[in-house]
PDB file of N, CA and C in Angstrom:
ATOM      1  N   MET A   1    -111.466 -33.471  43.087  1.00  0.00           N
ATOM      2  CA  MET A   1    -109.883 -33.896  43.810  1.00  0.00           C
ATOM      3  C   MET A   1    -109.867 -34.710  44.314  1.00  0.00           C
ATOM      4  N   ASP A   2    -110.782 -34.865  45.242  1.00  0.00           N
ATOM      5  CA  ASP A   2    -110.954 -36.001  46.338  1.00  0.00           C
ATOM      6  C   ASP A   2    -110.887 -37.383  45.545  1.00  0.00           C
ATOM      7  N   GLU A   3    -111.903 -37.805  44.752  1.00  0.00           N
ATOM      8  CA  GLU A   3    -111.960 -38.816  43.771  1.00  0.00           C
ATOM      9  C   GLU A   3    -110.771 -39.212  43.086  1.00  0.00           C
ATOM     10  N   LEU A   4    -109.938 -38.400  42.652  1.00  0.00           N
ATOM     11  CA  LEU A   4    -108.517 -38.644  42.294  1.00  0.00           C
ATOM     12  C   LEU A   4    -107.652 -39.433  43.164  1.00  0.00           C
ATOM     13  N   VAL A   5    -107.784 -38.575  44.513  1.00  0.00           N
ATOM     14  CA  VAL A   5    -106.604 -38.818  45.479  1.00  0.00           C
ATOM     15  C   VAL A   5    -107.059 -40.280  45.931  1.00  0.00           C
ATOM     16  N   LYS A   6    -108.112 -40.460  46.120  1.00  0.00           N
ATOM     17  CA  LYS A   6    -108.694 -42.078  46.476  1.00  0.00           C
ATOM     18  C   LYS A   6    -108.299 -42.950  45.615  1.00  0.00           C
ATOM     19  N   ILE A   7    -108.604 -42.609  44.459  1.00  0.00           N
ATOM     20  CA  ILE A   7    -108.119 -43.273  43.461  1.00  0.00           C
ATOM     21  C   ILE A   7    -106.715 -43.776  43.251  1.00  0.00           C
ATOM     22  N   ILE A   8    -105.796 -42.779  43.666  1.00  0.00           N
ATOM     23  CA  ILE A   8    -104.161 -42.989  43.501  1.00  0.00           C
ATOM     24  C   ILE A   8    -104.020 -43.781  44.787  1.00  0.00           C
ATOM     25  N   SER A   9    -104.469 -43.198  45.821  1.00  0.00           N
ATOM     26  CA  SER A   9    -104.301 -44.017  47.113  1.00  0.00           C
ATOM     27  C   SER A   9    -104.590 -45.751  47.074  1.00  0.00           C
ATOM     28  N   GLU A  10    -105.746 -45.725  46.317  1.00  0.00           N
ATOM     29  CA  GLU A  10    -106.102 -47.190  46.127  1.00  0.00           C
ATOM     30  C   GLU A  10    -105.329 -48.176  45.389  1.00  0.00           C
ATOM     31  N   ARG A  11    -104.777 -47.375  44.276  1.00  0.00           N
ATOM     32  CA  ARG A  11    -104.159 -48.334  43.144  1.00  0.00           C
ATOM     33  C   ARG A  11    -102.686 -48.097  43.725  1.00  0.00           C
ATOM     34  N   THR A  12    -102.171 -47.318  44.197  1.00  0.00           N
ATOM     35  CA  THR A  12    -100.455 -47.326  44.520  1.00  0.00           C
ATOM     36  C   THR A  12    -100.573 -48.173  45.967  1.00  0.00           C
ATOM     37  N   GLY A  13    -101.187 -47.576  46.901  1.00  0.00           N
ATOM     38  CA  GLY A  13    -101.154 -48.101  48.432  1.00  0.00           C
ATOM     39  C   GLY A  13    -100.387 -47.056  48.926  1.00  0.00           C
ATOM     40  N   LEU A  14    -100.346 -45.835  48.466  1.00  0.00           N
ATOM     41  CA  LEU A  14     -99.751 -44.439  49.055  1.00  0.00           C
ATOM     42  C   LEU A  14    -100.668 -43.971  50.072  1.00  0.00           C
ATOM     43  N   PRO A  15    -100.394 -43.525  51.399  1.00  0.00           N
ATOM     44  CA  PRO A  15    -101.155 -42.968  52.416  1.00  0.00           C
ATOM     45  C   PRO A  15    -101.981 -41.516  51.712  1.00  0.00           C
ATOM     46  N   ALA A  16    -102.851 -41.097  52.107  1.00  0.00           N
ATOM     47  CA  ALA A  16    -103.670 -40.128  51.411  1.00  0.00           C
ATOM     48  C   ALA A  16    -103.065 -38.786  51.333  1.00  0.00           C
ATOM     49  N   ASP A  17    -102.010 -38.561  52.191  1.00  0.00           N
ATOM     50  CA  ASP A  17    -101.562 -37.409  52.156  1.00  0.00           C
ATOM     51  C   ASP A  17    -100.423 -37.547  51.067  1.00  0.00           C
ATOM     52  N   GLN A  18     -99.834 -38.775  50.946  1.00  0.00           N
ATOM     53  CA  GLN A  18     -98.949 -38.737  49.641  1.00  0.00           C
ATOM     54  C   GLN A  18     -99.522 -38.713  48.360  1.00  0.00           C
ATOM     55  N   ALA A  19    -100.657 -39.364  48.432  1.00  0.00           N
ATOM     56  CA  ALA A  19    -101.576 -39.566  47.053  1.00  0.00           C
ATOM     57  C   ALA A  19    -102.092 -38.255  46.674  1.00  0.00           C
ATOM     58  N   ARG A  20    -102.386 -37.376  47.878  1.00  0.00           N
ATOM     59  CA  ARG A  20    -102.572 -36.017  47.404  1.00  0.00           C
ATOM     60  C   ARG A  20    -101.828 -35.317  46.468  1.00  0.00           C
ATOM     61  N   ALA A  21    -100.188 -35.343  46.999  1.00  0.00           N
ATOM     62  CA  ALA A  21     -99.274 -34.486  46.644  1.00  0.00           C
ATOM     63  C   ALA A  21     -98.887 -35.377  45.632  1.00  0.00           C
ATOM     64  N   ALA A  22     -99.359 -36.322  44.994  1.00  0.00           N
ATOM     65  CA  ALA A  22     -98.920 -36.998  43.598  1.00  0.00           C
ATOM     66  C   ALA A  22     -99.958 -36.564  42.907  1.00  0.00           C
ATOM     67  N   ALA A  23    -101.087 -36.122  43.213  1.00  0.00           N
ATOM     68  CA  ALA A  23    -102.424 -35.692  42.500  1.00  0.00           C
ATOM     69  C   ALA A  23    -102.117 -34.162  42.279  1.00  0.00           C
ATOM     70  N   LEU A  24    -101.758 -33.588  43.093  1.00  0.00           N
ATOM     71  CA  LEU A  24    -101.229 -32.330  42.971  1.00  0.00           C
ATOM     72  C   LEU A  24    -100.466 -32.044  42.052  1.00  0.00           C
ATOM     73  N   ALA A  25     -99.262 -32.790  41.869  1.00  0.00           N
ATOM     74  CA  ALA A  25     -97.667 -32.487  41.247  1.00  0.00           C
ATOM     75  C   ALA A  25     -98.271 -32.743  39.993  1.00  0.00           C
ATOM     76  N   ALA A  26     -99.093 -33.933  39.603  1.00  0.00           N
ATOM     77  CA  ALA A  26     -99.976 -34.607  37.975  1.00  0.00           C
ATOM     78  C   ALA A  26    -100.469 -33.420  37.421  1.00  0.00           C
ATOM     79  N   VAL A  27    -101.571 -32.919  38.503  1.00  0.00           N
ATOM     80  CA  VAL A  27    -102.243 -31.943  37.778  1.00  0.00           C
ATOM     81  C   VAL A  27    -101.628 -30.626  37.351  1.00  0.00           C
ATOM     82  N   ASP A  28    -100.676 -30.460  38.226  1.00  0.00           N
ATOM     83  CA  ASP A  28    -100.119 -29.105  37.932  1.00  0.00           C
ATOM     84  C   ASP A  28     -98.701 -29.488  36.540  1.00  0.00           C
ATOM     85  N   PHE A  29     -98.518 -30.484  36.733  1.00  0.00           N
ATOM     86  CA  PHE A  29     -97.807 -30.796  35.481  1.00  0.00           C
ATOM     87  C   PHE A  29     -98.779 -30.835  34.218  1.00  0.00           C
ATOM     88  N   LEU A  30     -99.919 -31.424  34.299  1.00  0.00           N
ATOM     89  CA  LEU A  30    -100.993 -31.276  32.965  1.00  0.00           C
ATOM     90  C   LEU A  30    -101.434 -30.014  32.639  1.00  0.00           C
ATOM     91  N   LYS A  31    -101.559 -29.033  33.915  1.00  0.00           N
ATOM     92  CA  LYS A  31    -101.734 -27.929  33.575  1.00  0.00           C
ATOM     93  C   LYS A  31    -100.791 -26.792  32.919  1.00  0.00           C
ATOM     94  N   SER A  32     -99.119 -27.508  33.288  1.00  0.00           N
ATOM     95  CA  SER A  32     -98.594 -26.429  32.791  1.00  0.00           C
ATOM     96  C   SER A  32     -98.381 -26.827  30.873  1.00  0.00           C
ATOM     97  N   LYS A  33     -98.653 -27.929  30.579  1.00  0.00           N
ATOM     98  CA  LYS A  33     -98.698 -28.226  29.158  1.00  0.00           C
ATOM     99  C   LYS A  33     -99.843 -27.932  28.359  1.00  0.00           C
ATOM    100  N   LEU A  34    -100.876 -27.189  29.252  1.00  0.00           N
ATOM    101  CA  LEU A  34    -102.355 -26.234  28.462  1.00  0.00           C
ATOM    102  C   LEU A  34    -101.897 -25.399  28.261  1.00  0.00           C
ATOM    103  N   PRO A  35    -102.790 -24.445  27.317  1.00  0.00           N
ATOM    104  CA  PRO A  35    -102.678 -23.044  26.927  1.00  0.00           C
ATOM    105  C   PRO A  35    -103.606 -22.416  28.359  1.00  0.00           C
ATOM    106  N   GLU A  36    -102.875 -21.174  28.602  1.00  0.00           N
ATOM    107  CA  GLU A  36    -103.029 -20.813  30.177  1.00  0.00           C
ATOM    108  C   GLU A  36    -104.700 -20.624  30.272  1.00  0.00           C
ATOM    109  N   ALA A  37    -105.800 -20.319  29.009  1.00  0.00           N
ATOM    110  CA  ALA A  37    -106.991 -20.157  28.861  1.00  0.00           C
ATOM    111  C   ALA A  37    -107.617 -21.475  29.043  1.00  0.00           C
ATOM    112  N   MET A  38    -107.036 -22.406  29.292  1.00  0.00           N
ATOM    113  CA  MET A  38    -107.821 -24.013  29.353  1.00  0.00           C
ATOM    114  C   MET A  38    -107.309 -24.404  30.504  1.00  0.00           C
ATOM    115  N   GLN A  39    -106.414 -23.859  31.425  1.00  0.00           N
ATOM    116  CA  GLN A  39    -106.056 -24.423  32.696  1.00  0.00           C
ATOM    117  C   GLN A  39    -107.233 -24.712  33.849  1.00  0.00           C
ATOM    118  N   GLY A  40    -107.903 -23.492  34.023  1.00  0.00           N
ATOM    119  CA  GLY A  40    -109.089 -23.579  34.484  1.00  0.00           C
ATOM    120  C   GLY A  40    -110.098 -24.704  34.523  1.00  0.00           C
ATOM    121  N   TYR A  41    -110.189 -25.223  33.292  1.00  0.00           N
ATOM    122  CA  TYR A  41    -111.177 -26.078  33.251  1.00  0.00           C
ATOM    123  C   TYR A  41    -110.823 -27.384  33.848  1.00  0.00           C
ATOM    124  N   VAL A  42    -109.386 -27.618  33.886  1.00  0.00           N
ATOM    125  CA  VAL A  42    -108.708 -28.894  34.959  1.00  0.00           C
ATOM    126  C   VAL A  42    -109.473 -28.760  36.188  1.00  0.00           C
ATOM    127  N   ASP A  43    -109.738 -27.687  36.672  1.00  0.00           N
ATOM    128  CA  ASP A  43    -109.591 -27.216  38.162  1.00  0.00           C
ATOM    129  C   ASP A  43    -111.223 -27.653  38.091  1.00  0.00           C
ATOM    130  N   MET A  44    -112.092 -27.248  37.012  1.00  0.00           N
ATOM    131  CA  MET A  44    -113.053 -27.355  37.451  1.00  0.00           C
ATOM    132  C   MET A  44    -113.602 -28.674  37.142  1.00  0.00           C
ATOM    133  N   ALA A  45    -113.310 -29.336  36.043  1.00  0.00           N
ATOM    134  CA  ALA A  45    -113.423 -30.990  35.954  1.00  0.00           C
ATOM    135  C   ALA A  45    -112.994 -31.500  37.617  1.00  0.00           C
ATOM    136  N   LEU A  46    -112.218 -31.022  38.178  1.00  0.00           N
ATOM    137  CA  LEU A  46    -111.490 -32.029  39.165  1.00  0.00           C
ATOM    138  C   LEU A  46    -112.346 -31.715  40.246  1.00  0.00           C
ATOM    139  N   ASN A  47    -112.816 -30.558  40.406  1.00  0.00           N
ATOM    140  CA  ASN A  47    -113.681 -30.040  41.749  1.00  0.00           C
ATOM    141  C   ASN A  47    -115.091 -29.967  41.522  1.00  0.00           C
ATOM    142  N   SER A  48    -115.450 -30.489  40.351  1.00  0.00           N
ATOM    143  CA  SER A  48    -116.904 -30.345  40.102  1.00  0.00           C
ATOM    144  C   SER A  48    -117.277 -31.819  40.656  1.00  0.00           C
ATOM    145  N   GLY A  49    -118.494 -31.924  41.445  1.00  0.00           N
ATOM    146  CA  GLY A  49    -119.322 -32.789  41.692  1.00  0.00           C
ATOM    147  C   GLY A  49    -120.523 -32.943  41.209  1.00  0.00           C
ATOM    148  N   GLY A  50    -120.736 -31.692  40.041  1.00  0.00           N
ATOM    149  CA  GLY A  50    -121.929 -32.306  39.202  1.00  0.00           C
ATOM    150  C   GLY A  50    -121.738 -32.945  38.277  1.00  0.00           C
ATOM    151  N   ALA A  51    -122.318 -32.937  37.191  1.00  0.00           N
ATOM    152  CA  ALA A  51    -122.710 -33.882  35.874  1.00  0.00           C
ATOM    153  C   ALA A  51    -121.227 -33.247  35.143  1.00  0.00           C
ATOM    154  N   GLY A  52    -120.529 -34.621  34.709  1.00  0.00           N
ATOM    155  CA  GLY A  52    -119.520 -34.589  33.686  1.00  0.00           C
ATOM    156  C   GLY A  52    -118.313 -34.511  34.789  1.00  0.00           C
ATOM    157  N   GLY A  53    -118.249 -34.024  35.762  1.00  0.00           N
ATOM    158  CA  GLY A  53    -117.191 -33.888  36.576  1.00  0.00           C
ATOM    159  C   GLY A  53    -116.417 -35.258  36.726  1.00  0.00           C
ATOM    160  N   GLY A  54    -117.313 -36.092  37.088  1.00  0.00           N
ATOM    161  CA  GLY A  54    -116.923 -37.731  37.517  1.00  0.00           C
ATOM    162  C   GLY A  54    -116.591 -38.071  36.449  1.00  0.00           C
ATOM    163  N   ASP A  55    -116.978 -38.139  35.638  1.00  0.00           N
ATOM    164  CA  ASP A  55    -116.623 -38.771  34.447  1.00  0.00           C
ATOM    165  C   ASP A  55    -115.311 -37.860  33.735  1.00  0.00           C
ATOM    166  N   ILE A  56    -115.041 -37.085  33.883  1.00  0.00           N
ATOM    167  CA  ILE A  56    -113.529 -36.796  33.488  1.00  0.00           C
ATOM    168  C   ILE A  56    -112.664 -37.161  34.583  1.00  0.00           C
ATOM    169  N   ALA A  57    -112.907 -36.781  35.613  1.00  0.00           N
ATOM    170  CA  ALA A  57    -111.788 -37.100  36.882  1.00  0.00           C
ATOM    171  C   ALA A  57    -111.599 -39.087  36.721  1.00  0.00           C
ATOM    172  N   SER A  58    -112.698 -39.535  36.229  1.00  0.00           N
ATOM    173  CA  SER A  58    -112.284 -41.351  36.535  1.00  0.00           C
ATOM    174  C   SER A  58    -111.344 -41.367  35.211  1.00  0.00           C
ATOM    175  N   GLN A  59    -111.468 -40.880  34.167  1.00  0.00           N
ATOM    176  CA  GLN A  59    -111.019 -40.775  32.861  1.00  0.00           C
ATOM    177  C   GLN A  59    -109.204 -40.338  33.491  1.00  0.00           C
ATOM    178  N   ALA A  60    -109.294 -39.259  34.046  1.00  0.00           N
ATOM    179  CA  ALA A  60    -107.835 -39.031  34.360  1.00  0.00           C
ATOM    180  C   ALA A  60    -107.181 -39.768  35.531  1.00  0.00           C
ATOM    181  N   THR A  61    -108.128 -40.363  36.010  1.00  0.00           N
ATOM    182  CA  THR A  61    -107.400 -41.317  37.185  1.00  0.00           C
ATOM    183  C   THR A  61    -107.057 -42.592  36.361  1.00  0.00           C
ATOM    184  N   ASN A  62    -107.552 -42.895  35.402  1.00  0.00           N
ATOM    185  CA  ASN A  62    -107.123 -43.976  34.428  1.00  0.00           C
ATOM    186  C   ASN A  62    -105.779 -43.952  33.879  1.00  0.00           C
ATOM    187  N   VAL A  63    -105.596 -42.702  33.587  1.00  0.00           N
ATOM    188  CA  VAL A  63    -104.330 -42.194  32.657  1.00  0.00           C
ATOM    189  C   VAL A  63    -103.221 -42.097  33.869  1.00  0.00           C
ATOM    190  N   LEU A  64    -103.518 -41.416  34.844  1.00  0.00           N
ATOM    191  CA  LEU A  64    -102.666 -41.412  35.783  1.00  0.00           C
ATOM    192  C   LEU A  64    -102.560 -42.334  36.825  1.00  0.00           C
ATOM    193  N   GLY A  65    -103.483 -43.515  37.249  1.00  0.00           N
ATOM    194  CA  GLY A  65    -103.074 -44.667  37.493  1.00  0.00           C
ATOM    195  C   GLY A  65    -102.235 -45.195  36.608  1.00  0.00           C
ATOM    196  N   GLY A  66    -102.369 -45.250  35.418  1.00  0.00           N
ATOM    197  CA  GLY A  66    -101.052 -46.190  34.725  1.00  0.00           C
ATOM    198  C   GLY A  66     -99.810 -45.357  34.694  1.00  0.00           C
ATOM    199  N   LEU A  67     -99.583 -43.958  35.165  1.00  0.00           N
ATOM    200  CA  LEU A  67     -98.190 -43.668  35.587  1.00  0.00           C
ATOM    201  C   LEU A  67     -97.833 -44.119  36.542  1.00  0.00           C
ATOM    202  N   PHE A  68     -98.710 -44.099  37.600  1.00  0.00           N
ATOM    203  CA  PHE A  68     -97.906 -44.930  38.918  1.00  0.00           C
ATOM    204  C   PHE A  68     -98.013 -46.187  39.022  1.00  0.00           C
ATOM    205  N   GLY A  69     -98.242 -46.962  38.067  1.00  0.00           N
ATOM    206  CA  GLY A  69     -98.141 -48.581  38.478  1.00  0.00           C
ATOM    207  C   GLY A  69     -99.458 -49.165  38.232  1.00  0.00           C
ATOM    208  N   GLY A  70    -100.317 -48.503  38.445  1.00  0.00           N
ATOM    209  CA  GLY A  70    -101.542 -48.774  38.592  1.00  0.00           C
ATOM    210  C   GLY A  70    -102.179 -49.375  37.382  1.00  0.00           C
ATOM    211  N   ASN A  71    -103.642 -50.198  37.234  1.00  0.00           N
ATOM    212  CA  ASN A  71    -104.058 -50.498  36.015  1.00  0.00           C
ATOM    213  C   ASN A  71    -104.498 -49.343  35.161  1.00  0.00           C
ATOM    214  N   LYS A  72    -104.782 -49.410  34.316  1.00  0.00           N
ATOM    215  CA  LYS A  72    -105.460 -48.550  33.274  1.00  0.00           C
ATOM    216  C   LYS A  72    -106.880 -49.011  33.214  1.00  0.00           C
TER     217      LYS A  72
END
């Protein structure tokens, strides 16, 4: 999640606390669109510091960056 917050902050110029609020809102929205059985995977991907987590977080930030006016 910290990586997502950092990228949102960098791409939008928002302070870290506002970027975190935006990230949480976006993640909550995305999770609400998934079946309940899959919602935990979003948290695991965003909180994973291990293999694969960074790749998924990077892909998510590219999409979210576009939503917040940043580069895709």
